[in-house]
Amino acid sequence: MPRAARTRPWGFIGLAAFVVVSIALLFAFAPNRRAAAADGGLALSAPLPDTVPEGTVLVVGDPVTQWVVENQGWDKQLPFTIKWAQITGGPDVTEAFHAKALDVGLGANVPPIHAVWVGLPVKIIAFRQREDPLRHPALVLAIAPKAGIRTIADLRGKRIAFSPSQVQGQIVLQTLKAAGLSISDVKLVELPSSIGGDVYTSALASNIVDVAPVGSGIVAERYVRKFGHDGATLLNHPPFRDDATLAYVPVEVLQDPAKAAALKHYVRLWARAQAWQTANPEILARGYYVEHQGLSLADARLIIAAAGQTDVPGRWDEAVAYQQGAIDLMAPEMKKPRFDAADLFDRRFEAIAAQAFAAATTSAPAVSR
């Protein structure tokens, strides 16, 4: 793969320093991960234990699920303790896994693939998607004010923000493939995306890049709201899925019998929280996004509307195929080895989330605060 162009976006140094310091502090105070048994711990083919020993702790990075669980008081019913970590985004989750500061991470489909490529074995334990992904894409292409891009064909020769460890990288490669272009036809600017999209939108406005994949909904809306008068626009990527969200863990966490047993409970809790969000969009908008995150109600509703309805599939066959497609697309371009996507999934958890989601969706009425 030709070396991606590297820029020095000095305006982002303050943000980068804040992230580095925040993660370093979390690592400094993070509890040590429970050591697995001397024989190598629980086999990945063994049945998941049912009993959670007293004192078991899971460190989880999933802010929205945290708010739902704590708001509903569900954490008080658990036979273990959850320590919530404010860690999101593939690169930060990978760093936290390496530092043993996190047991469960949430992300799009590419971070687990990249984790394997950097020598960190992980497994997916829960998977969700959108019911109508083409009408509710997770990402759109943001176009810089002076880029002169109106169609996908206009990408030739342009500077495109590229993050190889995040789903944004897959979106770029898949878009180029659909347009009949190769990476030699464009200039990739290696630039990791922040979870909120500010790095990419600032790079666009500062003329560092011409194109960047950004979150649909509020990130895209704010970009056009702020820079539309200068010529900033949005462009839909070609019609392909980009909506996978998954919970994943280091393999060594699954080899710890206590944590493996706790994960059975956590995956049910996670699925219940997804069902609650789907049933209670207005409460989520007002409670989490307005009161907790400080957004306007209009922006909060925009985020929820952009995401559409959530689906937690009962079988992972399509999810495995989706991951395989991403691996096969990215591996040759990034000079990484191809591997079997099925190895990413711990199918002992396959039915746990789906059954909990279905039960919560059919039996739990919407609640009010």
Protein backbone atom coordinates (compact mmCIF):
# COMPACT_ATOMS: atom_id res chain seq x y z
CA MET A 1 0.00 0.00 0.00
CA PRO A 2 1.40 3.42 -0.84
CA ARG A 3 2.25 5.30 2.29
CA ALA A 4 -0.69 7.44 3.39
CA ALA A 5 0.15 11.11 3.41
CA ARG A 6 0.79 12.33 6.94
CA THR A 7 -0.13 15.81 7.95
CA ARG A 8 0.70 17.73 11.09
CA PRO A 9 -2.61 19.28 12.12
CA TRP A 10 -1.12 21.45 14.85
CA GLY A 11 -4.53 22.82 15.77
CA PHE A 12 -5.44 19.40 17.11
CA ILE A 13 -2.50 19.03 19.52
CA GLY A 14 -4.50 20.24 22.52
CA LEU A 15 -7.18 17.63 21.88
CA ALA A 16 -4.60 14.89 21.38
CA ALA A 17 -2.79 15.84 24.58
CA PHE A 18 -6.05 15.76 26.54
CA VAL A 19 -6.86 12.27 25.24
CA VAL A 20 -3.36 10.98 26.02
CA VAL A 21 -3.40 12.38 29.55
CA SER A 22 -6.91 11.07 30.23
CA ILE A 23 -6.01 7.54 29.11
CA ALA A 24 -2.74 7.63 31.04
CA LEU A 25 -4.55 8.57 34.23
CA LEU A 26 -7.06 5.78 33.73
CA PHE A 27 -4.25 3.28 33.21
CA ALA A 28 -2.48 4.52 36.32
CA PHE A 29 -5.53 3.87 38.49
CA ALA A 30 -6.98 0.89 36.63
CA PRO A 31 -7.40 -2.32 38.64
CA ASN A 32 -5.18 -5.21 37.64
CA ARG A 33 -6.96 -7.79 35.55
CA ARG A 34 -7.63 -10.99 37.47
CA ALA A 35 -5.02 -13.57 36.52
CA ALA A 36 -6.29 -16.62 34.69
CA ALA A 37 -5.80 -20.05 36.19
CA ALA A 38 -2.30 -21.50 36.07
CA ASP A 39 -3.34 -24.02 33.43
CA GLY A 40 -4.17 -21.26 30.97
CA GLY A 41 -7.61 -20.44 32.26
CA LEU A 42 -11.01 -21.29 30.85
CA ALA A 43 -10.88 -22.85 27.40
CA LEU A 44 -12.61 -20.84 24.68
CA SER A 45 -14.54 -23.98 23.74
CA ALA A 46 -15.73 -24.66 27.30
CA PRO A 47 -19.29 -23.80 28.39
CA LEU A 48 -19.57 -20.38 29.97
CA PRO A 49 -19.67 -20.65 33.77
CA ASP A 50 -22.91 -19.74 35.53
CA THR A 51 -21.54 -18.72 38.93
CA VAL A 52 -19.95 -15.31 39.37
CA PRO A 53 -17.56 -15.29 42.34
CA GLU A 54 -17.91 -12.54 44.90
CA GLY A 55 -15.71 -9.55 44.17
CA THR A 56 -15.75 -9.94 40.38
CA VAL A 57 -15.37 -6.65 38.49
CA LEU A 58 -15.85 -5.83 34.82
CA VAL A 59 -14.43 -2.57 33.44
CA VAL A 60 -16.67 -1.45 30.58
CA GLY A 61 -16.43 1.45 28.13
CA ASP A 62 -19.95 2.20 26.84
CA PRO A 63 -21.30 5.61 27.98
CA VAL A 64 -24.84 5.31 26.60
CA THR A 65 -25.39 1.86 28.08
CA GLN A 66 -23.93 3.15 31.34
CA TRP A 67 -26.49 5.96 31.48
CA VAL A 68 -29.41 3.62 30.74
CA VAL A 69 -28.29 1.02 33.28
CA GLU A 70 -27.67 3.54 36.05
CA ASN A 71 -30.80 5.53 35.22
CA GLN A 72 -32.91 2.38 35.55
CA GLY A 73 -31.00 1.03 38.53
CA TRP A 74 -30.27 -2.28 36.81
CA ASP A 75 -26.68 -2.34 38.01
CA LYS A 76 -27.92 -2.90 41.55
CA GLN A 77 -29.31 -6.28 40.49
CA LEU A 78 -26.02 -7.68 39.20
CA PRO A 79 -23.93 -10.35 40.97
CA PHE A 80 -20.75 -8.44 40.09
CA THR A 81 -19.53 -4.85 39.92
CA ILE A 82 -19.27 -2.77 36.76
CA LYS A 83 -16.65 -0.06 36.70
CA TRP A 84 -17.53 2.25 33.84
CA ALA A 85 -14.67 3.81 31.86
CA GLN A 86 -15.08 6.81 29.58
CA ILE A 87 -13.15 5.17 26.75
CA THR A 88 -14.65 5.12 23.26
CA GLY A 89 -13.31 4.80 19.75
CA GLY A 90 -11.21 2.00 18.31
CA PRO A 91 -7.68 3.38 18.93
CA ASP A 92 -8.39 4.25 22.56
CA VAL A 93 -10.09 0.91 23.24
CA THR A 94 -7.11 -0.95 21.78
CA GLU A 95 -4.71 1.04 23.95
CA ALA A 96 -6.85 0.35 27.02
CA PHE A 97 -6.91 -3.37 26.23
CA HIS A 98 -3.12 -3.41 25.89
CA ALA A 99 -2.82 -1.68 29.29
CA LYS A 100 -5.31 -4.12 30.87
CA ALA A 101 -7.41 -1.12 31.88
CA LEU A 102 -10.57 -2.27 30.10
CA ASP A 103 -12.45 -5.57 29.90
CA VAL A 104 -15.26 -4.68 27.46
CA GLY A 105 -15.07 -2.19 24.62
CA LEU A 106 -17.73 -0.92 22.23
CA GLY A 107 -16.99 -0.01 18.66
CA ALA A 108 -17.71 -0.40 14.98
CA ASN A 109 -16.59 -3.46 13.06
CA VAL A 110 -13.02 -2.47 12.15
CA PRO A 111 -11.37 -2.01 15.59
CA PRO A 112 -11.49 -5.74 16.45
CA ILE A 113 -9.95 -6.53 13.07
CA HIS A 114 -7.19 -3.99 13.62
CA ALA A 115 -6.61 -5.33 17.15
CA VAL A 116 -5.84 -8.74 15.69
CA TRP A 117 -3.47 -7.15 13.17
CA VAL A 118 -1.51 -5.44 15.96
CA GLY A 119 -1.20 -8.70 17.92
CA LEU A 120 -4.07 -8.33 20.38
CA PRO A 121 -6.44 -11.34 20.26
CA VAL A 122 -10.03 -10.26 20.84
CA LYS A 123 -13.48 -11.77 20.56
CA ILE A 124 -16.84 -10.23 19.71
CA ILE A 125 -19.47 -11.07 22.34
CA ALA A 126 -22.42 -8.92 21.21
CA PHE A 127 -23.49 -7.45 17.89
CA ARG A 128 -26.13 -4.94 16.85
CA GLN A 129 -27.08 -3.34 13.55
CA ARG A 130 -29.70 -1.00 12.11
CA GLU A 131 -32.96 -2.33 10.71
CA ASP A 132 -32.72 -0.13 7.61
CA PRO A 133 -29.01 0.66 7.12
CA LEU A 134 -29.31 2.20 3.67
CA ARG A 135 -31.86 4.76 4.86
CA HIS A 136 -29.97 5.24 8.13
CA PRO A 137 -26.25 5.08 7.31
CA ALA A 138 -23.86 5.56 10.20
CA LEU A 139 -21.51 7.72 8.11
CA VAL A 140 -21.64 10.18 5.23
CA LEU A 141 -18.89 11.87 3.24
CA ALA A 142 -18.27 15.46 4.29
CA ILE A 143 -16.88 17.65 1.51
CA ALA A 144 -14.56 20.60 2.14
CA PRO A 145 -15.91 24.00 1.06
CA LYS A 146 -13.52 24.44 -1.87
CA ALA A 147 -13.06 20.80 -2.88
CA GLY A 148 -15.29 20.97 -5.96
CA ILE A 149 -16.72 17.49 -5.35
CA ARG A 150 -20.29 16.78 -6.42
CA THR A 151 -20.23 13.04 -7.14
CA ILE A 152 -18.21 10.01 -6.11
CA ALA A 153 -16.40 10.16 -9.44
CA ASP A 154 -14.97 13.54 -8.43
CA LEU A 155 -12.86 11.89 -5.71
CA ARG A 156 -10.02 11.23 -8.15
CA GLY A 157 -6.95 13.22 -7.13
CA LYS A 158 -8.48 14.43 -3.87
CA ARG A 159 -7.12 14.32 -0.33
CA ILE A 160 -9.18 11.95 1.79
CA ALA A 161 -8.99 11.56 5.57
CA PHE A 162 -8.08 7.97 6.37
CA SER A 163 -7.96 6.07 9.65
CA PRO A 164 -6.77 2.48 9.11
CA SER A 165 -7.80 1.33 12.59
CA GLN A 166 -11.38 2.62 12.41
CA VAL A 167 -14.48 2.03 10.31
CA GLN A 168 -13.79 5.31 8.51
CA GLY A 169 -10.89 3.57 6.77
CA GLN A 170 -13.16 0.83 5.49
CA ILE A 171 -15.69 3.40 4.27
CA VAL A 172 -12.99 5.15 2.24
CA LEU A 173 -11.70 1.94 0.64
CA GLN A 174 -15.18 0.64 -0.08
CA THR A 175 -16.22 3.96 -1.61
CA LEU A 176 -13.15 4.02 -3.86
CA LYS A 177 -13.81 0.45 -4.96
CA ALA A 178 -17.43 1.29 -5.83
CA ALA A 179 -16.23 4.30 -7.84
CA GLY A 180 -13.72 2.21 -9.77
CA LEU A 181 -10.81 4.04 -8.16
CA SER A 182 -7.74 2.74 -6.37
CA ILE A 183 -5.80 4.31 -3.53
CA SER A 184 -3.20 5.41 -6.10
CA ASP A 185 -5.90 7.62 -7.64
CA VAL A 186 -6.28 9.67 -4.46
CA LYS A 187 -4.13 11.01 -1.63
CA LEU A 188 -4.88 9.37 1.71
CA VAL A 189 -4.22 11.64 4.69
CA GLU A 190 -3.77 9.42 7.73
CA LEU A 191 -5.75 11.07 10.47
CA PRO A 192 -7.63 9.29 13.26
CA SER A 193 -11.19 10.39 13.84
CA SER A 194 -12.44 11.49 17.22
CA ILE A 195 -15.69 9.93 18.36
CA GLY A 196 -17.47 13.25 17.96
CA GLY A 197 -16.02 13.97 14.54
CA ASP A 198 -14.36 17.30 15.45
CA VAL A 199 -10.94 16.25 14.14
CA TYR A 200 -12.30 15.47 10.70
CA THR A 201 -14.61 18.45 10.40
CA SER A 202 -11.85 20.78 11.57
CA ALA A 203 -9.48 19.24 9.02
CA LEU A 204 -12.05 19.86 6.30
CA ALA A 205 -12.65 23.46 7.33
CA SER A 206 -8.89 24.06 7.58
CA ASN A 207 -8.29 22.70 4.05
CA ILE A 208 -6.14 19.84 5.32
CA VAL A 209 -8.35 17.33 3.50
CA ASP A 210 -10.99 17.51 0.77
CA VAL A 211 -13.15 14.61 1.94
CA ALA A 212 -13.76 12.85 5.25
CA PRO A 213 -16.28 10.24 6.41
CA VAL A 214 -18.17 11.67 9.38
CA GLY A 215 -21.06 10.52 11.50
CA SER A 216 -24.49 11.01 10.01
CA GLY A 217 -26.93 13.00 12.09
CA ILE A 218 -25.52 15.61 14.43
CA VAL A 219 -21.87 15.58 13.30
CA ALA A 220 -22.79 16.00 9.65
CA GLU A 221 -25.54 18.49 10.46
CA ARG A 222 -23.26 20.66 12.58
CA TYR A 223 -20.60 20.65 9.88
CA VAL A 224 -23.00 21.97 7.25
CA ARG A 225 -24.60 24.33 9.75
CA LYS A 226 -21.23 25.85 10.55
CA PHE A 227 -19.51 25.80 7.16
CA GLY A 228 -22.32 25.45 4.63
CA HIS A 229 -22.25 29.15 3.82
CA ASP A 230 -18.63 28.64 2.71
CA GLY A 231 -19.59 25.79 0.41
CA ALA A 232 -19.33 22.74 2.70
CA THR A 233 -21.60 19.89 1.55
CA LEU A 234 -22.40 16.25 2.26
CA LEU A 235 -22.37 13.28 -0.08
CA ASN A 236 -23.78 9.83 0.56
CA HIS A 237 -21.31 7.01 0.12
CA PRO A 238 -22.36 4.21 -2.28
CA PRO A 239 -25.12 1.90 -0.97
CA PHE A 240 -23.37 -0.50 1.39
CA ARG A 241 -23.74 -1.27 5.09
CA ASP A 242 -21.71 0.73 7.58
CA ASP A 243 -23.83 0.23 10.69
CA ALA A 244 -22.34 -2.59 12.75
CA THR A 245 -21.74 -1.89 16.44
CA LEU A 246 -20.30 -4.54 18.68
CA ALA A 247 -19.02 -5.32 22.14
CA TYR A 248 -15.66 -7.07 22.18
CA VAL A 249 -13.16 -8.25 24.76
CA PRO A 250 -9.55 -9.44 24.95
CA VAL A 251 -9.29 -13.22 24.80
CA GLU A 252 -7.61 -13.28 28.19
CA VAL A 253 -10.77 -11.83 29.75
CA LEU A 254 -12.74 -14.79 28.42
CA GLN A 255 -10.12 -17.15 29.84
CA ASP A 256 -10.85 -15.83 33.32
CA PRO A 257 -13.78 -18.00 34.57
CA ALA A 258 -15.09 -15.27 36.88
CA LYS A 259 -15.14 -12.62 34.18
CA ALA A 260 -16.55 -15.05 31.61
CA ALA A 261 -19.47 -15.75 33.95
CA ALA A 262 -19.98 -12.02 34.52
CA LEU A 263 -19.95 -11.42 30.77
CA LYS A 264 -23.01 -13.68 30.37
CA HIS A 265 -24.90 -11.32 32.66
CA TYR A 266 -23.42 -8.22 31.05
CA VAL A 267 -24.42 -9.23 27.52
CA ARG A 268 -28.02 -9.71 28.70
CA LEU A 269 -27.85 -6.30 30.38
CA TRP A 270 -26.41 -4.71 27.23
CA ALA A 271 -29.20 -6.17 25.09
CA ARG A 272 -31.83 -4.99 27.56
CA ALA A 273 -30.36 -1.50 27.35
CA GLN A 274 -30.54 -1.55 23.53
CA ALA A 275 -34.22 -2.52 23.72
CA TRP A 276 -34.87 0.23 26.26
CA GLN A 277 -33.29 2.85 24.02
CA THR A 278 -35.43 1.73 21.09
CA ALA A 279 -38.61 1.88 23.18
CA ASN A 280 -37.82 5.19 24.87
CA PRO A 281 -36.23 7.57 22.35
CA GLU A 282 -37.61 10.74 23.92
CA ILE A 283 -36.44 9.84 27.41
CA LEU A 284 -33.03 8.99 26.01
CA ALA A 285 -32.94 12.29 24.14
CA ARG A 286 -33.85 14.39 27.17
CA GLY A 287 -32.07 12.35 29.83
CA TYR A 288 -28.80 11.36 28.22
CA TYR A 289 -28.19 13.79 25.38
CA VAL A 290 -29.72 16.94 26.89
CA GLU A 291 -29.24 16.60 30.66
CA HIS A 292 -26.10 14.48 30.63
CA GLN A 293 -24.33 15.58 27.43
CA GLY A 294 -25.57 19.16 27.29
CA LEU A 295 -27.02 19.08 23.77
CA SER A 296 -30.11 20.91 22.65
CA LEU A 297 -33.27 18.83 22.44
CA ALA A 298 -33.37 19.33 18.67
CA ASP A 299 -29.83 17.97 18.30
CA ALA A 300 -30.60 15.07 20.63
CA ARG A 301 -33.63 14.11 18.56
CA LEU A 302 -31.53 14.37 15.40
CA ILE A 303 -29.00 11.85 16.75
CA ILE A 304 -31.72 9.35 17.61
CA ALA A 305 -33.63 9.82 14.34
CA ALA A 306 -30.45 9.35 12.30
CA ALA A 307 -29.78 5.98 13.95
CA GLY A 308 -33.19 4.50 13.14
CA GLN A 309 -34.30 1.27 14.77
CA THR A 310 -31.90 -1.21 16.36
CA ASP A 311 -31.74 -4.90 15.53
CA VAL A 312 -29.88 -7.52 17.58
CA PRO A 313 -29.73 -10.55 15.25
CA GLY A 314 -30.30 -14.04 16.60
CA ARG A 315 -27.71 -15.54 14.27
CA TRP A 316 -24.29 -14.14 13.46
CA ASP A 317 -23.84 -15.68 10.01
CA GLU A 318 -24.41 -12.35 8.25
CA ALA A 319 -22.25 -10.56 10.80
CA VAL A 320 -19.39 -12.98 10.13
CA ALA A 321 -19.79 -12.44 6.39
CA TYR A 322 -19.84 -8.67 6.94
CA GLN A 323 -16.58 -8.87 8.89
CA GLN A 324 -15.03 -11.16 6.29
CA GLY A 325 -15.81 -8.61 3.61
CA ALA A 326 -14.06 -5.91 5.62
CA ILE A 327 -11.01 -8.10 6.20
CA ASP A 328 -10.78 -9.09 2.54
CA LEU A 329 -11.11 -5.46 1.44
CA MET A 330 -8.63 -3.94 3.87
CA ALA A 331 -5.94 -6.62 4.23
CA PRO A 332 -4.29 -6.26 0.79
CA GLU A 333 -4.47 -2.47 0.81
CA MET A 334 -2.90 -2.25 4.27
CA LYS A 335 -0.41 -5.08 3.73
CA LYS A 336 -1.96 -7.12 6.52
CA PRO A 337 -2.66 -10.86 6.60
CA ARG A 338 -6.10 -12.09 5.71
CA PHE A 339 -7.72 -14.23 8.41
CA ASP A 340 -11.00 -16.02 9.00
CA ALA A 341 -13.61 -13.63 10.38
CA ALA A 342 -15.31 -16.48 12.23
CA ASP A 343 -12.32 -16.48 14.58
CA LEU A 344 -13.38 -13.02 15.79
CA PHE A 345 -16.70 -14.22 17.20
CA ASP A 346 -17.32 -16.07 20.44
CA ARG A 347 -20.49 -17.87 19.43
CA ARG A 348 -21.14 -19.02 22.98
CA PHE A 349 -22.72 -15.57 23.34
CA GLU A 350 -24.60 -15.67 20.03
CA ALA A 351 -28.09 -16.29 21.36
CA ILE A 352 -27.70 -14.57 24.74
CA ALA A 353 -28.06 -10.98 23.55
CA ALA A 354 -30.70 -11.78 20.95
CA GLN A 355 -32.93 -13.59 23.43
CA ALA A 356 -32.58 -10.83 26.00
CA PHE A 357 -33.30 -8.16 23.38
CA ALA A 358 -36.36 -9.99 22.10
CA ALA A 359 -37.69 -10.53 25.62
CA ALA A 360 -37.19 -6.89 26.58
CA THR A 361 -38.70 -5.66 23.33
CA THR A 362 -41.89 -7.73 23.63
CA SER A 363 -42.50 -7.62 27.37
CA ALA A 364 -41.18 -4.31 28.69
CA PRO A 365 -43.43 -1.28 28.14
CA ALA A 366 -41.97 2.15 27.61
CA VAL A 367 -41.27 3.88 30.91
CA SER A 368 -41.30 7.49 31.99
CA ARG A 369 -39.00 9.37 34.29
